Amino acid sequence: MIIPAEKELRAVLARFAQARIEHDVRPTGRTSRDLEDSMYTLCVMTGARTAEQALLSADALLDQYRASRMGISQQDETLAA
């Protein structure tokens, strides 16, 4: 599986969240399609088959990105000392 860039993953998660809110507030055919499209994209990006798996995978990827940034900043501090 190709790992998505953090920026792209965050953009798809934001699009999914917005579609979910809009569909929950006022469901229409358009909001349903937007929700399905964003969920499909998230599933493809994370290699998941269900919405639940995709969201769990996205959370895990975001944790990896965060840990990677923390490791880099700690190395920078060590080198500066």
Protein backbone atom coordinates (compact mmCIF):
# COMPACT_ATOMS: atom_id res chain seq x y z
CA MET A 1 0.00 0.00 0.00
CA ILE A 2 1.20 3.49 -0.83
CA ILE A 3 1.14 5.66 2.27
CA PRO A 4 -0.69 8.94 1.66
CA ALA A 5 0.90 12.27 2.42
CA GLU A 6 -0.26 13.73 5.72
CA LYS A 7 -1.66 16.85 4.06
CA GLU A 8 -3.75 14.78 1.63
CA LEU A 9 -5.01 12.48 4.39
CA ARG A 10 -6.04 15.44 6.52
CA ALA A 11 -7.83 17.03 3.55
CA VAL A 12 -9.85 13.86 2.90
CA LEU A 13 -10.69 13.50 6.60
CA ALA A 14 -11.89 17.11 6.65
CA ARG A 15 -13.97 16.51 3.52
CA PHE A 16 -15.48 13.39 5.09
CA ALA A 17 -16.27 15.24 8.34
CA GLN A 18 -17.95 18.08 6.46
CA ALA A 19 -19.98 15.64 4.34
CA ARG A 20 -21.01 13.70 7.46
CA ILE A 21 -22.19 16.87 9.21
CA GLU A 22 -24.09 18.14 6.18
CA HIS A 23 -25.75 14.77 5.65
CA ASP A 24 -26.71 14.46 9.32
CA VAL A 25 -28.18 17.98 9.40
CA ARG A 26 -30.08 17.92 6.12
CA PRO A 27 -29.84 14.66 4.17
CA THR A 28 -30.27 14.96 0.42
CA GLY A 29 -29.12 13.01 -2.59
CA ARG A 30 -26.17 15.38 -2.94
CA THR A 31 -25.07 15.00 0.68
CA SER A 32 -25.39 11.24 0.40
CA ARG A 33 -23.17 11.20 -2.72
CA ASP A 34 -20.63 13.54 -1.11
CA LEU A 35 -20.48 11.29 1.95
CA GLU A 36 -20.07 8.15 -0.17
CA ASP A 37 -17.40 9.79 -2.34
CA SER A 38 -15.34 11.02 0.60
CA MET A 39 -15.65 7.67 2.38
CA TYR A 40 -14.61 5.80 -0.75
CA THR A 41 -11.56 8.06 -1.13
CA LEU A 42 -10.63 7.53 2.51
CA CYS A 43 -10.97 3.75 2.12
CA VAL A 44 -8.74 3.78 -0.96
CA MET A 45 -6.13 5.98 0.74
CA THR A 46 -5.95 3.75 3.81
CA GLY A 47 -6.43 0.39 2.12
CA ALA A 48 -9.53 -0.31 4.22
CA ARG A 49 -12.80 -1.98 3.26
CA THR A 50 -15.14 -0.30 5.73
CA ALA A 51 -15.65 3.20 7.07
CA GLU A 52 -14.68 2.08 10.57
CA GLN A 53 -11.46 0.47 9.37
CA ALA A 54 -10.61 3.51 7.26
CA LEU A 55 -11.04 5.89 10.19
CA LEU A 56 -8.97 3.66 12.47
CA SER A 57 -6.25 3.41 9.83
CA ALA A 58 -6.29 7.18 9.31
CA ASP A 59 -5.89 7.72 13.06
CA ALA A 60 -2.97 5.28 13.13
CA LEU A 61 -1.31 7.07 10.20
CA LEU A 62 -1.76 10.45 11.89
CA ASP A 63 -0.15 9.01 15.03
CA GLN A 64 2.79 7.81 12.91
CA TYR A 65 3.18 11.25 11.33
CA ARG A 66 3.10 12.87 14.78
CA ALA A 67 5.65 10.41 16.20
CA SER A 68 7.89 10.98 13.21
CA ARG A 69 7.77 14.75 13.71
CA MET A 70 8.52 14.33 17.42
CA GLY A 71 11.53 12.17 16.62
CA ILE A 72 12.87 14.70 14.15
CA SER A 73 12.49 17.64 16.54
CA GLN A 74 14.17 15.68 19.36
CA GLN A 75 17.09 14.87 17.05
CA ASP A 76 17.36 18.55 16.13
CA GLU A 77 17.47 19.51 19.82
CA THR A 78 20.16 16.90 20.49
CA LEU A 79 22.27 18.13 17.61
CA ALA A 80 21.88 21.74 18.77
CA ALA A 81 23.13 20.90 22.25
